Amino acid sequence: MARIKTLRKKLKPVEHRKFIRYDSLHLLDYLVTDEAGNPGIYSMGRTIDVSADGLKLETTQALENNCLLLVTVGIEDDLIELEGRITYTGPFEGRFISGVTFIKITKEGRRIFAKYVEAFRQRQKQQPIT
């Protein structure tokens, strides 16, 4: 977690307010890294769907298949960082949809992410994502 905070201080976000203000539960930030952990693009995305082992992400920029991401999600006062890999990506209505499979997650991270998944599912029942 300290590594990502240090990297974010050095990096400036790529886009500025290109997103409509969606419910914050659906928003997350991500940092693209190479295999050695060197930082690339830092930006925000929107969670389209979640599972215990990954998520579907909407972004304004194309992400490459197999690239690594450090994803930060939050629920209540808990923030967690998850390391994932893009398993598929493609254009969709002027944006991009990517599948992210988590490759590193701590036990505590899994507990917090389970809360995020549950909250996301409950919110979807109340307000489906459009």
N, C-alpha and C. Protein backbone atom coordinates (compact mmCIF):
# COMPACT_ATOMS: atom_id res chain seq x y z
N MET A 1 0.83 -1.18 0.00
CA MET A 1 0.00 0.00 0.00
C MET A 1 0.88 1.25 0.00
N ALA A 2 1.98 1.21 0.73
CA ALA A 2 2.87 2.38 0.77
C ALA A 2 3.46 2.66 -0.60
N ARG A 3 3.76 1.60 -1.36
CA ARG A 3 4.33 1.77 -2.69
C ARG A 3 3.39 2.55 -3.60
N ILE A 4 2.12 2.21 -3.57
CA ILE A 4 1.17 2.89 -4.44
C ILE A 4 0.97 4.34 -4.02
N LYS A 5 0.98 4.61 -2.71
CA LYS A 5 0.84 6.00 -2.25
C LYS A 5 2.01 6.84 -2.73
N THR A 6 3.21 6.29 -2.67
CA THR A 6 4.39 7.00 -3.15
C THR A 6 4.29 7.25 -4.64
N LEU A 7 3.87 6.24 -5.39
CA LEU A 7 3.74 6.39 -6.84
C LEU A 7 2.69 7.43 -7.19
N ARG A 8 1.58 7.46 -6.47
CA ARG A 8 0.51 8.42 -6.77
C ARG A 8 0.95 9.85 -6.51
N LYS A 9 1.81 10.05 -5.53
CA LYS A 9 2.31 11.40 -5.27
C LYS A 9 3.13 11.91 -6.45
N LYS A 10 3.81 10.99 -7.15
CA LYS A 10 4.66 11.37 -8.27
C LYS A 10 3.88 11.53 -9.57
N LEU A 11 2.74 10.86 -9.66
CA LEU A 11 1.98 10.83 -10.91
C LEU A 11 0.78 11.76 -10.84
N LYS A 12 0.41 12.29 -11.98
CA LYS A 12 -0.80 13.09 -12.08
C LYS A 12 -1.83 12.28 -12.85
N PRO A 13 -3.11 12.36 -12.47
CA PRO A 13 -4.12 11.62 -13.20
C PRO A 13 -4.13 12.00 -14.68
N VAL A 14 -4.47 11.03 -15.51
CA VAL A 14 -4.47 11.24 -16.95
C VAL A 14 -5.66 12.08 -17.38
N GLU A 15 -6.83 11.82 -16.79
CA GLU A 15 -8.01 12.56 -17.22
C GLU A 15 -8.56 13.40 -16.08
N HIS A 16 -9.35 14.38 -16.45
CA HIS A 16 -9.98 15.25 -15.47
C HIS A 16 -11.47 15.33 -15.75
N ARG A 17 -12.27 14.74 -14.89
CA ARG A 17 -13.73 14.79 -14.94
C ARG A 17 -14.32 14.37 -16.28
N LYS A 18 -13.87 13.27 -16.81
CA LYS A 18 -14.49 12.72 -18.01
C LYS A 18 -15.64 11.80 -17.65
N PHE A 19 -15.82 11.54 -16.37
CA PHE A 19 -16.88 10.65 -15.94
C PHE A 19 -18.07 11.44 -15.42
N ILE A 20 -19.25 10.93 -15.69
CA ILE A 20 -20.44 11.44 -15.04
C ILE A 20 -20.31 11.04 -13.58
N ARG A 21 -20.89 11.78 -12.67
CA ARG A 21 -20.79 11.45 -11.24
C ARG A 21 -21.68 10.26 -10.90
N TYR A 22 -21.15 9.07 -11.05
CA TYR A 22 -21.88 7.87 -10.69
C TYR A 22 -21.75 7.66 -9.19
N ASP A 23 -22.58 6.79 -8.66
CA ASP A 23 -22.49 6.39 -7.27
C ASP A 23 -21.04 6.00 -6.97
N SER A 24 -20.49 6.54 -5.90
CA SER A 24 -19.07 6.33 -5.60
C SER A 24 -18.72 4.87 -5.35
N LEU A 25 -19.69 4.04 -5.00
CA LEU A 25 -19.41 2.62 -4.81
C LEU A 25 -18.87 1.99 -6.09
N HIS A 26 -19.28 2.52 -7.22
CA HIS A 26 -18.86 1.95 -8.49
C HIS A 26 -17.52 2.48 -8.97
N LEU A 27 -17.01 3.55 -8.39
CA LEU A 27 -15.76 4.15 -8.84
C LEU A 27 -14.56 3.51 -8.15
N LEU A 28 -13.47 3.44 -8.88
CA LEU A 28 -12.22 2.96 -8.32
C LEU A 28 -11.08 3.63 -9.06
N ASP A 29 -9.90 3.56 -8.49
CA ASP A 29 -8.75 4.05 -9.23
C ASP A 29 -7.81 2.89 -9.50
N TYR A 30 -7.00 3.08 -10.53
CA TYR A 30 -6.08 2.00 -10.91
C TYR A 30 -4.78 2.59 -11.42
N LEU A 31 -3.75 1.81 -11.29
CA LEU A 31 -2.42 2.15 -11.78
C LEU A 31 -1.93 0.98 -12.62
N VAL A 32 -1.62 1.24 -13.87
CA VAL A 32 -1.05 0.21 -14.75
C VAL A 32 0.43 0.10 -14.41
N THR A 33 0.93 -1.13 -14.27
CA THR A 33 2.36 -1.33 -14.01
C THR A 33 2.90 -2.37 -14.99
N ASP A 34 4.22 -2.36 -15.14
CA ASP A 34 4.83 -3.43 -15.93
C ASP A 34 5.17 -4.58 -14.99
N GLU A 35 5.75 -5.63 -15.53
CA GLU A 35 6.07 -6.83 -14.73
C GLU A 35 7.03 -6.52 -13.58
N ALA A 36 7.86 -5.50 -13.74
CA ALA A 36 8.82 -5.12 -12.69
C ALA A 36 8.20 -4.18 -11.66
N GLY A 37 6.93 -3.79 -11.86
CA GLY A 37 6.27 -2.90 -10.92
C GLY A 37 6.44 -1.43 -11.24
N ASN A 38 7.04 -1.11 -12.38
CA ASN A 38 7.21 0.30 -12.77
C ASN A 38 5.87 0.89 -13.18
N PRO A 39 5.56 2.10 -12.72
CA PRO A 39 4.25 2.69 -12.97
C PRO A 39 4.04 3.15 -14.40
N GLY A 40 2.79 3.05 -14.82
CA GLY A 40 2.36 3.56 -16.12
C GLY A 40 1.20 4.51 -15.90
N ILE A 41 0.11 4.29 -16.60
CA ILE A 41 -1.07 5.15 -16.51
C ILE A 41 -1.73 5.02 -15.14
N TYR A 42 -2.10 6.16 -14.56
CA TYR A 42 -2.90 6.20 -13.34
C TYR A 42 -4.19 6.90 -13.69
N SER A 43 -5.33 6.26 -13.38
CA SER A 43 -6.61 6.84 -13.76
C SER A 43 -7.73 6.27 -12.90
N MET A 44 -8.96 6.61 -13.27
CA MET A 44 -10.14 6.11 -12.58
C MET A 44 -10.98 5.30 -13.55
N GLY A 45 -11.77 4.41 -12.98
CA GLY A 45 -12.68 3.61 -13.78
C GLY A 45 -13.96 3.37 -13.00
N ARG A 46 -14.87 2.66 -13.63
CA ARG A 46 -16.15 2.35 -13.00
C ARG A 46 -16.33 0.84 -12.98
N THR A 47 -16.71 0.32 -11.84
CA THR A 47 -16.99 -1.10 -11.69
C THR A 47 -18.32 -1.40 -12.36
N ILE A 48 -18.31 -2.32 -13.30
CA ILE A 48 -19.53 -2.75 -13.98
C ILE A 48 -20.09 -4.00 -13.33
N ASP A 49 -19.20 -4.90 -12.91
CA ASP A 49 -19.62 -6.13 -12.25
C ASP A 49 -18.45 -6.63 -11.41
N VAL A 50 -18.76 -7.44 -10.40
CA VAL A 50 -17.72 -7.97 -9.52
C VAL A 50 -17.97 -9.45 -9.24
N SER A 51 -16.90 -10.15 -8.92
CA SER A 51 -16.97 -11.52 -8.42
C SER A 51 -15.90 -11.63 -7.34
N ALA A 52 -15.81 -12.78 -6.72
CA ALA A 52 -14.82 -12.96 -5.66
C ALA A 52 -13.40 -12.86 -6.17
N ASP A 53 -13.18 -13.15 -7.46
CA ASP A 53 -11.83 -13.19 -8.00
C ASP A 53 -11.52 -12.12 -9.04
N GLY A 54 -12.43 -11.18 -9.25
CA GLY A 54 -12.15 -10.16 -10.25
C GLY A 54 -13.29 -9.20 -10.42
N LEU A 55 -13.16 -8.37 -11.46
CA LEU A 55 -14.20 -7.40 -11.75
C LEU A 55 -14.18 -7.02 -13.21
N LYS A 56 -15.30 -6.43 -13.63
CA LYS A 56 -15.41 -5.87 -14.98
C LYS A 56 -15.32 -4.37 -14.81
N LEU A 57 -14.42 -3.75 -15.56
CA LEU A 57 -14.05 -2.35 -15.38
C LEU A 57 -14.33 -1.55 -16.65
N GLU A 58 -14.96 -0.38 -16.49
CA GLU A 58 -15.15 0.55 -17.60
C GLU A 58 -14.15 1.68 -17.45
N THR A 59 -13.43 1.99 -18.53
CA THR A 59 -12.42 3.05 -18.51
C THR A 59 -12.58 3.93 -19.74
N THR A 60 -11.96 5.10 -19.70
CA THR A 60 -11.96 5.98 -20.87
C THR A 60 -10.79 5.69 -21.78
N GLN A 61 -9.84 4.90 -21.29
CA GLN A 61 -8.65 4.56 -22.08
C GLN A 61 -8.57 3.06 -22.28
N ALA A 62 -8.03 2.67 -23.42
CA ALA A 62 -7.85 1.25 -23.70
C ALA A 62 -6.74 0.69 -22.81
N LEU A 63 -6.96 -0.48 -22.27
CA LEU A 63 -5.95 -1.20 -21.51
C LEU A 63 -5.57 -2.44 -22.31
N GLU A 64 -4.32 -2.82 -22.25
CA GLU A 64 -3.84 -3.96 -23.03
C GLU A 64 -4.10 -5.28 -22.30
N ASN A 65 -4.43 -6.30 -23.08
CA ASN A 65 -4.57 -7.64 -22.50
C ASN A 65 -3.29 -8.02 -21.78
N ASN A 66 -3.43 -8.68 -20.65
CA ASN A 66 -2.33 -9.18 -19.82
C ASN A 66 -1.57 -8.10 -19.07
N CYS A 67 -1.94 -6.84 -19.19
CA CYS A 67 -1.21 -5.83 -18.40
C CYS A 67 -1.61 -5.96 -16.93
N LEU A 68 -0.72 -5.51 -16.06
CA LEU A 68 -0.95 -5.57 -14.62
C LEU A 68 -1.55 -4.27 -14.14
N LEU A 69 -2.46 -4.37 -13.17
CA LEU A 69 -3.09 -3.20 -12.57
C LEU A 69 -3.01 -3.30 -11.07
N LEU A 70 -2.80 -2.17 -10.42
CA LEU A 70 -3.02 -2.06 -8.98
C LEU A 70 -4.32 -1.29 -8.86
N VAL A 71 -5.34 -1.95 -8.32
CA VAL A 71 -6.68 -1.39 -8.23
C VAL A 71 -6.97 -1.06 -6.77
N THR A 72 -7.51 0.13 -6.53
CA THR A 72 -7.91 0.51 -5.17
C THR A 72 -9.43 0.62 -5.14
N VAL A 73 -10.05 -0.14 -4.24
CA VAL A 73 -11.49 -0.04 -4.04
C VAL A 73 -11.75 0.27 -2.58
N GLY A 74 -12.88 0.86 -2.30
CA GLY A 74 -13.21 1.21 -0.93
C GLY A 74 -14.63 0.86 -0.58
N ILE A 75 -14.81 0.51 0.68
CA ILE A 75 -16.13 0.28 1.24
C ILE A 75 -16.10 0.82 2.65
N GLU A 76 -17.03 1.71 2.96
CA GLU A 76 -17.07 2.40 4.24
C GLU A 76 -15.72 3.08 4.47
N ASP A 77 -15.05 2.79 5.57
CA ASP A 77 -13.76 3.42 5.85
C ASP A 77 -12.58 2.56 5.41
N ASP A 78 -12.84 1.45 4.76
CA ASP A 78 -11.78 0.53 4.35
C ASP A 78 -11.40 0.73 2.89
N LEU A 79 -10.11 0.88 2.64
CA LEU A 79 -9.57 0.90 1.28
C LEU A 79 -8.66 -0.30 1.14
N ILE A 80 -8.74 -0.96 0.00
CA ILE A 80 -7.83 -2.07 -0.25
C ILE A 80 -7.23 -1.93 -1.64
N GLU A 81 -6.03 -2.43 -1.75
CA GLU A 81 -5.36 -2.48 -3.05
C GLU A 81 -5.29 -3.93 -3.49
N LEU A 82 -5.64 -4.13 -4.73
CA LEU A 82 -5.66 -5.46 -5.30
C LEU A 82 -4.80 -5.46 -6.55
N GLU A 83 -4.00 -6.49 -6.70
CA GLU A 83 -3.21 -6.60 -7.92
C GLU A 83 -3.95 -7.53 -8.86
N GLY A 84 -4.14 -7.07 -10.09
CA GLY A 84 -4.88 -7.86 -11.06
C GLY A 84 -4.23 -7.82 -12.43
N ARG A 85 -4.75 -8.67 -13.30
CA ARG A 85 -4.27 -8.75 -14.67
C ARG A 85 -5.48 -8.64 -15.59
N ILE A 86 -5.33 -7.87 -16.67
CA ILE A 86 -6.39 -7.74 -17.66
C ILE A 86 -6.50 -9.06 -18.43
N THR A 87 -7.69 -9.66 -18.41
CA THR A 87 -7.90 -10.93 -19.11
C THR A 87 -8.61 -10.74 -20.45
N TYR A 88 -9.33 -9.65 -20.59
CA TYR A 88 -9.91 -9.29 -21.88
C TYR A 88 -10.20 -7.80 -21.87
N THR A 89 -10.29 -7.21 -23.04
CA THR A 89 -10.61 -5.79 -23.14
C THR A 89 -11.18 -5.50 -24.52
N GLY A 90 -12.03 -4.49 -24.57
CA GLY A 90 -12.60 -4.13 -25.86
C GLY A 90 -13.38 -2.83 -25.77
N PRO A 91 -13.62 -2.20 -26.92
CA PRO A 91 -14.38 -0.95 -26.94
C PRO A 91 -15.86 -1.21 -26.69
N PHE A 92 -16.53 -0.22 -26.07
CA PHE A 92 -17.96 -0.31 -25.82
C PHE A 92 -18.53 1.09 -25.67
N GLU A 93 -19.32 1.51 -26.62
CA GLU A 93 -20.02 2.80 -26.58
C GLU A 93 -19.11 3.97 -26.23
N GLY A 94 -17.98 4.07 -26.91
CA GLY A 94 -17.08 5.19 -26.72
C GLY A 94 -16.13 5.07 -25.53
N ARG A 95 -16.23 3.99 -24.81
CA ARG A 95 -15.34 3.71 -23.68
C ARG A 95 -14.76 2.31 -23.88
N PHE A 96 -14.15 1.78 -22.83
CA PHE A 96 -13.55 0.46 -22.92
C PHE A 96 -13.98 -0.38 -21.72
N ILE A 97 -14.25 -1.65 -21.97
CA ILE A 97 -14.61 -2.59 -20.92
C ILE A 97 -13.49 -3.63 -20.84
N SER A 98 -13.02 -3.87 -19.61
CA SER A 98 -11.94 -4.84 -19.40
C SER A 98 -12.30 -5.77 -18.25
N GLY A 99 -11.90 -7.01 -18.39
CA GLY A 99 -12.02 -7.97 -17.30
C GLY A 99 -10.72 -8.01 -16.54
N VAL A 100 -10.80 -7.92 -15.22
CA VAL A 100 -9.62 -7.95 -14.36
C VAL A 100 -9.73 -9.17 -13.44
N THR A 101 -8.71 -10.01 -13.47
CA THR A 101 -8.64 -11.15 -12.56
C THR A 101 -7.58 -10.85 -11.52
N PHE A 102 -7.94 -10.97 -10.25
CA PHE A 102 -6.98 -10.67 -9.18
C PHE A 102 -5.94 -11.77 -9.10
N ILE A 103 -4.68 -11.35 -8.93
CA ILE A 103 -3.60 -12.33 -8.81
C ILE A 103 -2.94 -12.27 -7.44
N LYS A 104 -3.14 -11.17 -6.72
CA LYS A 104 -2.62 -11.06 -5.35
C LYS A 104 -3.67 -10.37 -4.50
N ILE A 105 -4.05 -11.04 -3.41
CA ILE A 105 -4.99 -10.45 -2.47
C ILE A 105 -4.74 -11.08 -1.10
N THR A 106 -4.60 -10.25 -0.09
CA THR A 106 -4.35 -10.75 1.26
C THR A 106 -5.65 -11.27 1.86
N LYS A 107 -5.52 -11.97 2.97
CA LYS A 107 -6.71 -12.47 3.67
C LYS A 107 -7.59 -11.30 4.10
N GLU A 108 -6.98 -10.27 4.64
CA GLU A 108 -7.73 -9.07 5.04
C GLU A 108 -8.34 -8.39 3.82
N GLY A 109 -7.58 -8.32 2.74
CA GLY A 109 -8.09 -7.75 1.51
C GLY A 109 -9.29 -8.52 0.99
N ARG A 110 -9.24 -9.84 1.07
CA ARG A 110 -10.36 -10.67 0.63
C ARG A 110 -11.60 -10.42 1.49
N ARG A 111 -11.39 -10.23 2.79
CA ARG A 111 -12.52 -9.95 3.70
C ARG A 111 -13.19 -8.63 3.32
N ILE A 112 -12.36 -7.60 3.11
CA ILE A 112 -12.90 -6.28 2.76
C ILE A 112 -13.54 -6.32 1.38
N PHE A 113 -12.90 -7.01 0.44
CA PHE A 113 -13.47 -7.07 -0.90
C PHE A 113 -14.80 -7.82 -0.90
N ALA A 114 -14.95 -8.82 -0.04
CA ALA A 114 -16.23 -9.52 0.07
C ALA A 114 -17.33 -8.55 0.50
N LYS A 115 -17.01 -7.62 1.40
CA LYS A 115 -17.97 -6.58 1.79
C LYS A 115 -18.31 -5.69 0.60
N TYR A 116 -17.30 -5.36 -0.20
CA TYR A 116 -17.50 -4.53 -1.39
C TYR A 116 -18.42 -5.25 -2.38
N VAL A 117 -18.18 -6.55 -2.60
CA VAL A 117 -19.01 -7.33 -3.51
C VAL A 117 -20.45 -7.34 -3.02
N GLU A 118 -20.65 -7.59 -1.74
CA GLU A 118 -22.00 -7.63 -1.19
C GLU A 118 -22.70 -6.27 -1.34
N ALA A 119 -22.01 -5.19 -1.01
CA ALA A 119 -22.59 -3.85 -1.16
C ALA A 119 -22.90 -3.56 -2.62
N PHE A 120 -22.02 -3.96 -3.51
CA PHE A 120 -22.22 -3.75 -4.94
C PHE A 120 -23.47 -4.49 -5.41
N ARG A 121 -23.61 -5.75 -5.00
CA ARG A 121 -24.78 -6.56 -5.38
C ARG A 121 -26.08 -5.93 -4.86
N GLN A 122 -26.05 -5.48 -3.60
CA GLN A 122 -27.24 -4.85 -3.03
C GLN A 122 -27.61 -3.58 -3.80
N ARG A 123 -26.61 -2.79 -4.14
CA ARG A 123 -26.85 -1.56 -4.89
C ARG A 123 -27.39 -1.86 -6.27
N GLN A 124 -26.88 -2.92 -6.91
CA GLN A 124 -27.38 -3.30 -8.23
C GLN A 124 -28.86 -3.66 -8.20
N LYS A 125 -29.28 -4.31 -7.12
CA LYS A 125 -30.70 -4.66 -6.99
C LYS A 125 -31.56 -3.40 -6.91
N GLN A 126 -31.02 -2.38 -6.21
CA GLN A 126 -31.77 -1.13 -6.03
C GLN A 126 -31.69 -0.23 -7.25
N GLN A 127 -30.48 -0.12 -7.84
CA GLN A 127 -30.24 0.78 -8.96
C GLN A 127 -29.33 0.09 -9.96
N PRO A 128 -29.88 -0.60 -10.94
CA PRO A 128 -29.01 -1.25 -11.93
C PRO A 128 -28.12 -0.23 -12.63
N ILE A 129 -26.89 -0.63 -12.95
CA ILE A 129 -25.95 0.24 -13.66
C ILE A 129 -26.44 0.42 -15.08
N THR A 130 -26.36 1.66 -15.54
CA THR A 130 -26.76 1.95 -16.93
C THR A 130 -25.59 2.45 -17.71
